[in-house]
Amino acid sequence: MSKGFATDNSVSQKSNKKVTANEPQGRLISWSPWPPANFQTRYPAFPFVLTILIIVIGQWYISLLR
């Protein structure tokens, strides 16, 4: 009496499919070593964070000049 598992000993045949990534390959700028083409999908908040960082550093620099 079998409970919980099938008694069939045949192993299902799994096909070996080549996994292709949906991420773009190569570079955003062909002659530049940076950034990779998947940079925008990997770090979507980068432009926002960079803008905030520039504003904060700019305000700090202006406050030093006063």
N, C-alpha and C. Protein backbone atom coordinates (compact mmCIF):
# COMPACT_ATOMS: atom_id res chain seq x y z
N MET A 1 0.84 -1.17 0.00
CA MET A 1 0.00 0.00 0.00
C MET A 1 0.89 1.24 0.00
N SER A 2 0.74 2.07 -1.01
CA SER A 2 1.58 3.27 -1.10
C SER A 2 0.77 4.49 -0.66
N LYS A 3 1.42 5.30 0.16
CA LYS A 3 0.77 6.52 0.64
C LYS A 3 1.67 7.71 0.35
N GLY A 4 1.12 8.74 -0.23
CA GLY A 4 1.84 10.00 -0.39
C GLY A 4 2.70 10.14 -1.62
N PHE A 5 3.26 9.05 -2.13
CA PHE A 5 4.13 9.14 -3.28
C PHE A 5 3.69 8.14 -4.34
N ALA A 6 3.95 8.48 -5.57
CA ALA A 6 3.61 7.58 -6.67
C ALA A 6 4.59 6.42 -6.67
N THR A 7 4.10 5.26 -7.06
CA THR A 7 4.96 4.07 -7.09
C THR A 7 5.62 3.90 -8.44
N ASP A 8 5.31 4.74 -9.39
CA ASP A 8 5.91 4.64 -10.72
C ASP A 8 7.38 5.05 -10.63
N ASN A 9 8.28 4.20 -11.10
CA ASN A 9 9.71 4.46 -11.01
C ASN A 9 10.26 5.23 -12.20
N SER A 10 9.43 5.55 -13.18
CA SER A 10 9.94 6.25 -14.36
C SER A 10 10.23 7.71 -14.00
N VAL A 11 11.34 8.18 -14.49
CA VAL A 11 11.78 9.55 -14.24
C VAL A 11 11.30 10.40 -15.40
N SER A 12 10.69 11.52 -15.08
CA SER A 12 10.20 12.39 -16.14
C SER A 12 11.37 13.00 -16.89
N GLN A 13 11.22 13.06 -18.18
CA GLN A 13 12.27 13.61 -19.03
C GLN A 13 12.15 15.13 -19.05
N LYS A 14 13.17 15.78 -18.55
CA LYS A 14 13.20 17.25 -18.59
C LYS A 14 14.06 17.68 -19.76
N SER A 15 13.54 18.59 -20.55
CA SER A 15 14.31 19.07 -21.69
C SER A 15 15.29 20.13 -21.21
N ASN A 16 16.47 20.08 -21.75
CA ASN A 16 17.49 21.06 -21.40
C ASN A 16 17.31 22.28 -22.30
N LYS A 17 16.65 23.29 -21.75
CA LYS A 17 16.43 24.52 -22.51
C LYS A 17 17.49 25.53 -22.12
N LYS A 18 17.96 26.24 -23.11
CA LYS A 18 18.94 27.28 -22.85
C LYS A 18 18.21 28.47 -22.25
N VAL A 19 18.66 28.90 -21.08
CA VAL A 19 18.02 30.01 -20.40
C VAL A 19 18.58 31.30 -20.96
N THR A 20 17.70 32.10 -21.52
CA THR A 20 18.12 33.38 -22.05
C THR A 20 17.57 34.48 -21.17
N ALA A 21 18.42 35.37 -20.78
CA ALA A 21 18.02 36.47 -19.91
C ALA A 21 17.32 37.54 -20.73
N ASN A 22 16.33 38.16 -20.14
CA ASN A 22 15.63 39.25 -20.80
C ASN A 22 16.38 40.56 -20.64
N GLU A 23 17.46 40.54 -19.87
CA GLU A 23 18.24 41.74 -19.67
C GLU A 23 19.06 42.04 -20.91
N PRO A 24 19.19 43.31 -21.26
CA PRO A 24 20.01 43.65 -22.42
C PRO A 24 21.48 43.35 -22.17
N GLN A 25 22.15 43.00 -23.23
CA GLN A 25 23.57 42.69 -23.14
C GLN A 25 24.36 43.83 -23.73
N GLY A 26 25.62 43.94 -23.34
CA GLY A 26 26.49 44.97 -23.91
C GLY A 26 26.53 46.20 -23.03
N ARG A 27 26.69 47.35 -23.66
CA ARG A 27 26.84 48.63 -22.95
C ARG A 27 25.80 49.63 -23.43
N LEU A 28 25.45 50.57 -22.54
CA LEU A 28 24.55 51.65 -22.94
C LEU A 28 25.23 52.55 -23.96
N ILE A 29 26.51 52.84 -23.73
CA ILE A 29 27.32 53.62 -24.66
C ILE A 29 28.36 52.65 -25.20
N SER A 30 28.38 52.47 -26.50
CA SER A 30 29.19 51.40 -27.08
C SER A 30 30.67 51.52 -26.78
N TRP A 31 31.19 52.75 -26.71
CA TRP A 31 32.63 52.92 -26.50
C TRP A 31 33.01 53.03 -25.03
N SER A 32 32.03 53.06 -24.14
CA SER A 32 32.30 53.25 -22.73
C SER A 32 32.32 51.92 -21.97
N PRO A 33 33.27 51.75 -21.06
CA PRO A 33 33.28 50.53 -20.26
C PRO A 33 32.22 50.53 -19.17
N TRP A 34 31.57 51.68 -18.93
CA TRP A 34 30.57 51.80 -17.88
C TRP A 34 29.46 52.69 -18.39
N PRO A 35 28.25 52.50 -18.10
CA PRO A 35 27.61 51.45 -17.33
C PRO A 35 27.20 50.28 -18.22
N PRO A 36 26.97 49.13 -17.62
CA PRO A 36 26.47 48.01 -18.41
C PRO A 36 25.04 48.28 -18.86
N ALA A 37 24.58 47.55 -19.85
CA ALA A 37 23.25 47.79 -20.42
C ALA A 37 22.14 47.51 -19.42
N ASN A 38 22.36 46.64 -18.43
CA ASN A 38 21.31 46.33 -17.47
C ASN A 38 21.35 47.24 -16.25
N PHE A 39 22.12 48.32 -16.32
CA PHE A 39 22.28 49.23 -15.19
C PHE A 39 20.95 49.88 -14.81
N GLN A 40 20.16 50.28 -15.80
CA GLN A 40 18.88 50.94 -15.52
C GLN A 40 17.88 50.00 -14.88
N THR A 41 17.90 48.74 -15.22
CA THR A 41 16.96 47.80 -14.60
C THR A 41 17.46 47.32 -13.25
N ARG A 42 18.77 47.30 -13.06
CA ARG A 42 19.31 46.83 -11.79
C ARG A 42 19.25 47.90 -10.71
N TYR A 43 19.44 49.16 -11.08
CA TYR A 43 19.42 50.27 -10.14
C TYR A 43 18.44 51.35 -10.61
N PRO A 44 17.14 51.11 -10.47
CA PRO A 44 16.17 52.07 -11.01
C PRO A 44 16.13 53.40 -10.27
N ALA A 45 16.57 53.46 -9.01
CA ALA A 45 16.51 54.71 -8.23
C ALA A 45 17.79 55.52 -8.37
N PHE A 46 18.73 55.11 -9.18
CA PHE A 46 20.00 55.80 -9.29
C PHE A 46 19.87 57.28 -9.68
N PRO A 47 19.07 57.65 -10.69
CA PRO A 47 18.97 59.08 -11.02
C PRO A 47 18.40 59.91 -9.87
N PHE A 48 17.42 59.40 -9.17
CA PHE A 48 16.83 60.12 -8.03
C PHE A 48 17.86 60.30 -6.92
N VAL A 49 18.56 59.24 -6.57
CA VAL A 49 19.56 59.30 -5.49
C VAL A 49 20.70 60.24 -5.89
N LEU A 50 21.14 60.18 -7.12
CA LEU A 50 22.21 61.06 -7.58
C LEU A 50 21.78 62.53 -7.53
N THR A 51 20.54 62.82 -7.91
CA THR A 51 20.03 64.18 -7.85
C THR A 51 19.99 64.69 -6.41
N ILE A 52 19.49 63.89 -5.50
CA ILE A 52 19.44 64.28 -4.09
C ILE A 52 20.85 64.50 -3.55
N LEU A 53 21.77 63.64 -3.92
CA LEU A 53 23.15 63.77 -3.46
C LEU A 53 23.79 65.06 -3.97
N ILE A 54 23.55 65.40 -5.22
CA ILE A 54 24.09 66.64 -5.78
C ILE A 54 23.50 67.85 -5.07
N ILE A 55 22.20 67.82 -4.79
CA ILE A 55 21.56 68.94 -4.09
C ILE A 55 22.13 69.10 -2.68
N VAL A 56 22.27 68.00 -1.97
CA VAL A 56 22.79 68.07 -0.59
C VAL A 56 24.23 68.58 -0.58
N ILE A 57 25.06 68.06 -1.45
CA ILE A 57 26.46 68.52 -1.50
C ILE A 57 26.52 69.97 -1.94
N GLY A 58 25.68 70.36 -2.88
CA GLY A 58 25.64 71.76 -3.32
C GLY A 58 25.23 72.71 -2.21
N GLN A 59 24.22 72.33 -1.45
CA GLN A 59 23.80 73.17 -0.32
C GLN A 59 24.90 73.25 0.74
N TRP A 60 25.57 72.16 0.98
CA TRP A 60 26.66 72.15 1.96
C TRP A 60 27.80 73.06 1.49
N TYR A 61 28.12 73.00 0.21
CA TYR A 61 29.18 73.82 -0.34
C TYR A 61 28.82 75.31 -0.30
N ILE A 62 27.59 75.64 -0.62
CA ILE A 62 27.13 77.03 -0.57
C ILE A 62 27.14 77.56 0.86
N SER A 63 26.77 76.71 1.83
CA SER A 63 26.78 77.14 3.22
C SER A 63 28.20 77.39 3.73
N LEU A 64 29.17 76.70 3.18
CA LEU A 64 30.57 76.94 3.56
C LEU A 64 31.09 78.26 3.02
N LEU A 65 30.57 78.69 1.88
CA LEU A 65 31.01 79.94 1.27
C LEU A 65 30.47 81.17 2.00
N ARG A 66 29.39 81.03 2.74
CA ARG A 66 28.79 82.18 3.45
C ARG A 66 29.51 82.50 4.70
